Amino acid sequence: MSFGDPNNPYGQPQNPQQPPQQPGYGYPQQGGQQPYGYPQQPPQGVPPQQPGYGYPQAPGYPQQPGHPGGQAPEGYANVPGLGVVEVGTYGARFGARLLDMIFAYIVVIVLNLIIFGAAFAGSGGGSSRASGLALGSILASLLVSALTFIFYDVIFVATAGSTPGKMILGMRIVNSRTGQKPGFGAALVRWGFPIGLGYITCGLGYVLIVISPFFDNTGQLRGWHDKAANTLVIKK
């Protein structure tokens, strides 16, 4: 410093050379450095990793425990193709049977009235003719009655898997091994087994089959006729 300098008469120091200003945040620095606060770019050809959010993944829901040995609880059955289904109660089955008997007997009575009415109308040709018509009417009545009950208990079960009474009360009959409709063979066995057993035991076997669902220790209320035909009555 010199007090005699004419360009600086007051002796004030000259301003030194100003240093370069530092770049602000968010601006790239010289020399190819990455901006402040930004992650470094991965090398070319390497896919970037997704950042974690810091939240643990939610655990999956545990599976519901099944019944031991795959057995369904009492009043239910595990049927292949259907899963666990509710079986028809004895009261509902008994009510459906009563409805079916009422419907079937109405049909039988109407058909018998037609048969015997036609026989009576044609019996004016003599006693021998009347006797022949009477015998024919009786045979026709028996045949019509049998066919009516067969249609109810075999055709309906085989094709629809239910009878009108069971349809009204919300039940159906399935094959206990497949869950499908029983088919004609099983439906015929299911219908004929009680009748045959009742015939050779003077009706006692039929009564036992009616109450046989109470003897089923599996809780599925399968009667002897159901077990013989591999069928099961379930709710829709």
Protein backbone atom coordinates (compact mmCIF):
# COMPACT_ATOMS: atom_id res chain seq x y z
CA MET A 1 0.00 0.00 0.00
CA SER A 2 1.36 3.43 -0.86
CA PHE A 3 -0.05 6.78 0.26
CA GLY A 4 1.65 8.46 -2.63
CA ASP A 5 -0.22 6.57 -5.32
CA PRO A 6 -2.18 9.11 -7.30
CA ASN A 7 -4.71 6.47 -8.29
CA ASN A 8 -5.39 5.66 -4.63
CA PRO A 9 -5.10 8.88 -2.72
CA TYR A 10 -6.86 7.63 0.46
CA GLY A 11 -4.81 4.53 0.85
CA GLN A 12 -7.76 2.14 0.51
CA PRO A 13 -6.81 -1.33 -0.54
CA GLN A 14 -7.67 -2.36 -4.01
CA ASN A 15 -10.41 -4.95 -4.48
CA PRO A 16 -8.94 -8.37 -4.92
CA GLN A 17 -10.00 -10.56 -7.82
CA GLN A 18 -13.53 -11.88 -7.23
CA PRO A 19 -13.71 -15.68 -6.91
CA PRO A 20 -16.14 -17.51 -9.19
CA GLN A 21 -19.65 -17.91 -7.78
CA GLN A 22 -20.69 -21.36 -6.56
CA PRO A 23 -23.54 -22.90 -8.46
CA GLY A 24 -26.85 -23.05 -6.64
CA TYR A 25 -28.68 -26.18 -5.68
CA GLY A 26 -30.20 -28.06 -8.55
CA TYR A 27 -27.72 -26.79 -11.15
CA PRO A 28 -25.08 -29.12 -12.53
CA GLN A 29 -21.53 -28.48 -11.42
CA GLN A 30 -18.67 -28.17 -13.81
CA GLY A 31 -16.67 -31.23 -14.64
CA GLY A 32 -19.60 -33.61 -15.26
CA GLN A 33 -20.56 -34.02 -11.58
CA GLN A 34 -24.06 -35.21 -10.78
CA PRO A 35 -26.45 -32.58 -9.42
CA TYR A 36 -26.79 -32.31 -5.69
CA GLY A 37 -29.52 -34.52 -4.28
CA TYR A 38 -30.06 -36.62 -7.43
CA PRO A 39 -29.23 -40.34 -7.52
CA GLN A 40 -26.48 -41.47 -9.76
CA GLN A 41 -27.49 -42.91 -13.09
CA PRO A 42 -26.79 -46.63 -13.51
CA PRO A 43 -24.40 -47.77 -16.22
CA GLN A 44 -25.80 -48.19 -19.66
CA GLY A 45 -27.51 -51.53 -20.21
CA VAL A 46 -28.29 -52.13 -16.50
CA PRO A 47 -31.96 -51.67 -15.58
CA PRO A 48 -32.54 -49.29 -12.69
CA GLN A 49 -33.57 -50.80 -9.40
CA GLN A 50 -36.92 -49.85 -8.01
CA PRO A 51 -36.63 -48.06 -4.72
CA GLY A 52 -38.29 -49.69 -1.74
CA TYR A 53 -40.98 -47.82 0.09
CA GLY A 54 -40.03 -49.10 3.48
CA TYR A 55 -43.38 -50.84 4.15
CA PRO A 56 -43.33 -54.57 4.87
CA GLN A 57 -45.45 -56.75 2.65
CA ALA A 58 -48.79 -57.72 4.07
CA PRO A 59 -48.86 -61.35 5.17
CA GLY A 60 -51.22 -63.68 3.30
CA TYR A 61 -54.39 -64.93 4.90
CA PRO A 62 -53.97 -68.33 6.51
CA GLN A 63 -55.99 -71.18 5.07
CA GLN A 64 -59.02 -72.26 6.99
CA PRO A 65 -58.40 -75.53 8.75
CA GLY A 66 -60.40 -78.41 7.36
CA HIS A 67 -62.18 -81.07 9.30
CA PRO A 68 -60.03 -83.96 10.43
CA GLY A 69 -59.80 -86.69 7.83
CA GLY A 70 -61.79 -84.65 5.30
CA GLN A 71 -65.03 -85.44 7.13
CA ALA A 72 -67.82 -82.88 7.03
CA PRO A 73 -69.63 -81.93 10.26
CA GLU A 74 -72.88 -83.60 11.21
CA GLY A 75 -75.71 -82.57 8.92
CA TYR A 76 -73.31 -81.94 6.03
CA ALA A 77 -71.60 -84.12 3.45
CA ASN A 78 -68.44 -83.72 1.40
CA VAL A 79 -69.58 -84.68 -2.10
CA PRO A 80 -67.09 -84.89 -5.01
CA GLY A 81 -67.78 -82.13 -7.50
CA LEU A 82 -69.98 -80.21 -5.05
CA GLY A 83 -67.85 -79.75 -1.96
CA VAL A 84 -69.42 -79.58 1.48
CA VAL A 85 -73.21 -79.46 1.16
CA GLU A 86 -76.07 -79.55 3.64
CA VAL A 87 -78.09 -82.74 3.65
CA GLY A 88 -81.88 -82.81 3.68
CA THR A 89 -83.37 -83.17 7.13
CA TYR A 90 -85.59 -86.13 7.99
CA GLY A 91 -88.58 -83.87 8.58
CA ALA A 92 -88.22 -82.22 5.16
CA ARG A 93 -87.80 -85.60 3.46
CA PHE A 94 -90.86 -87.00 5.21
CA GLY A 95 -92.88 -83.94 4.19
CA ALA A 96 -91.71 -84.28 0.59
CA ARG A 97 -92.74 -87.93 0.61
CA LEU A 98 -96.23 -87.02 1.79
CA LEU A 99 -96.56 -84.43 -0.97
CA ASP A 100 -95.40 -86.94 -3.58
CA MET A 101 -97.92 -89.51 -2.36
CA ILE A 102 -100.74 -86.97 -2.54
CA PHE A 103 -99.77 -85.90 -6.07
CA ALA A 104 -99.34 -89.49 -7.25
CA TYR A 105 -102.64 -90.67 -5.80
CA ILE A 106 -104.46 -87.77 -7.40
CA VAL A 107 -103.10 -88.87 -10.78
CA VAL A 108 -103.98 -92.52 -10.06
CA ILE A 109 -107.53 -91.68 -9.00
CA VAL A 110 -108.15 -89.54 -12.08
CA LEU A 111 -106.81 -92.24 -14.42
CA ASN A 112 -108.83 -94.95 -12.68
CA LEU A 113 -111.99 -92.91 -12.99
CA ILE A 114 -111.36 -92.65 -16.70
CA ILE A 115 -110.67 -96.40 -17.01
CA PHE A 116 -113.66 -97.59 -15.00
CA GLY A 117 -115.90 -94.96 -16.52
CA ALA A 118 -115.06 -96.22 -19.99
CA ALA A 119 -115.62 -99.82 -18.87
CA PHE A 120 -118.99 -98.99 -17.36
CA ALA A 121 -120.08 -97.14 -20.48
CA GLY A 122 -119.28 -100.16 -22.65
CA SER A 123 -120.77 -102.83 -20.40
CA GLY A 124 -124.24 -102.86 -21.98
CA GLY A 125 -123.61 -105.81 -24.29
CA GLY A 126 -124.30 -108.62 -21.80
CA SER A 127 -122.87 -110.14 -18.65
CA SER A 128 -119.93 -111.80 -20.32
CA ARG A 129 -118.89 -108.56 -21.92
CA ALA A 130 -119.31 -106.71 -18.65
CA SER A 131 -117.16 -109.29 -16.84
CA GLY A 132 -114.43 -108.97 -19.43
CA LEU A 133 -114.48 -105.19 -19.21
CA ALA A 134 -114.37 -105.32 -15.42
CA LEU A 135 -111.35 -107.63 -15.44
CA GLY A 136 -109.63 -105.51 -18.04
CA SER A 137 -110.35 -102.38 -16.01
CA ILE A 138 -108.80 -103.88 -12.90
CA LEU A 139 -105.66 -104.91 -14.76
CA ALA A 140 -105.45 -101.52 -16.43
CA SER A 141 -105.88 -99.81 -13.06
CA LEU A 142 -103.04 -101.81 -11.53
CA LEU A 143 -100.79 -101.13 -14.49
CA VAL A 144 -101.56 -97.41 -14.51
CA SER A 145 -100.99 -97.17 -10.76
CA ALA A 146 -97.63 -98.93 -10.98
CA LEU A 147 -96.50 -96.81 -13.92
CA THR A 148 -97.53 -93.65 -12.10
CA PHE A 149 -95.39 -94.46 -9.06
CA ILE A 150 -92.52 -95.62 -11.25
CA PHE A 151 -92.71 -92.35 -13.15
CA TYR A 152 -92.65 -90.44 -9.90
CA ASP A 153 -89.86 -92.29 -8.12
CA VAL A 154 -87.72 -93.40 -11.07
CA ILE A 155 -88.18 -91.10 -14.07
CA PHE A 156 -88.24 -87.89 -12.04
CA VAL A 157 -85.22 -88.87 -9.93
CA ALA A 158 -83.20 -90.12 -12.91
CA THR A 159 -83.84 -87.13 -15.17
CA ALA A 160 -84.44 -84.22 -12.79
CA GLY A 161 -82.63 -85.46 -9.69
CA SER A 162 -85.71 -84.75 -7.61
CA THR A 163 -89.42 -85.40 -7.22
CA PRO A 164 -92.09 -82.68 -7.21
CA GLY A 165 -92.35 -82.89 -3.43
CA LYS A 166 -88.60 -82.51 -2.96
CA MET A 167 -88.53 -79.66 -5.48
CA ILE A 168 -91.16 -77.80 -3.45
CA LEU A 169 -89.19 -78.26 -0.22
CA GLY A 170 -85.84 -77.37 -1.81
CA MET A 171 -84.07 -80.73 -1.99
CA ARG A 172 -82.54 -82.92 -4.64
CA ILE A 173 -81.00 -86.37 -4.95
CA VAL A 174 -77.42 -86.81 -6.17
CA ASN A 175 -74.96 -89.62 -6.67
CA SER A 176 -72.91 -89.68 -3.47
CA ARG A 177 -69.72 -90.52 -5.41
CA THR A 178 -69.93 -88.00 -8.25
CA GLY A 179 -72.41 -85.30 -7.19
CA GLN A 180 -74.32 -85.81 -10.46
CA LYS A 181 -77.90 -86.97 -11.04
CA PRO A 182 -78.40 -90.59 -10.00
CA GLY A 183 -79.35 -91.98 -13.42
CA PHE A 184 -81.90 -94.67 -14.24
CA GLY A 185 -80.06 -97.60 -12.65
CA ALA A 186 -79.60 -95.93 -9.27
CA ALA A 187 -83.12 -94.48 -9.34
CA LEU A 188 -84.59 -97.91 -10.04
CA VAL A 189 -82.62 -99.50 -7.18
CA ARG A 190 -83.60 -96.69 -4.82
CA TRP A 191 -87.28 -97.22 -5.63
CA GLY A 192 -87.33 -101.01 -5.92
CA PHE A 193 -85.24 -101.92 -2.86
CA PRO A 194 -87.84 -100.81 -0.25
CA ILE A 195 -90.67 -102.44 -2.21
CA GLY A 196 -88.83 -105.75 -2.63
CA LEU A 197 -87.69 -105.88 1.00
CA GLY A 198 -91.16 -104.96 2.19
CA TYR A 199 -92.72 -107.67 0.02
CA ILE A 200 -90.58 -110.51 1.36
CA THR A 201 -90.93 -109.33 5.00
CA CYS A 202 -94.67 -108.61 4.93
CA GLY A 203 -94.11 -104.87 5.12
CA LEU A 204 -91.67 -104.88 8.03
CA GLY A 205 -88.67 -104.22 5.79
CA TYR A 206 -90.38 -101.21 4.24
CA VAL A 207 -91.00 -99.72 7.68
CA LEU A 208 -87.38 -100.29 8.65
CA ILE A 209 -86.18 -98.55 5.50
CA VAL A 210 -88.43 -95.58 6.24
CA ILE A 211 -86.74 -95.07 9.62
CA SER A 212 -83.28 -96.25 8.48
CA PRO A 213 -81.90 -92.68 8.06
CA PHE A 214 -81.83 -92.51 11.87
CA PHE A 215 -79.41 -95.45 11.89
CA ASP A 216 -76.80 -93.61 9.80
CA ASN A 217 -73.89 -92.82 12.13
CA THR A 218 -72.26 -90.45 9.60
CA GLY A 219 -74.85 -87.73 10.19
CA GLN A 220 -75.80 -87.71 6.49
CA LEU A 221 -79.24 -89.33 7.05
CA ARG A 222 -78.71 -91.89 4.30
CA GLY A 223 -81.30 -94.64 4.40
CA TRP A 224 -80.64 -98.22 3.41
CA HIS A 225 -82.13 -97.51 0.00
CA ASP A 226 -79.72 -94.55 -0.40
CA LYS A 227 -76.73 -96.72 0.47
CA ALA A 228 -77.89 -99.46 -1.90
CA ALA A 229 -78.18 -96.94 -4.75
CA ASN A 230 -75.21 -94.71 -3.73
CA THR A 231 -77.48 -91.68 -3.46
CA LEU A 232 -77.71 -88.75 -1.09
CA VAL A 233 -80.49 -86.25 -0.44
CA ILE A 234 -79.13 -82.70 -0.16
CA LYS A 235 -80.54 -79.20 -0.01
CA LYS A 236 -80.40 -77.10 -3.17
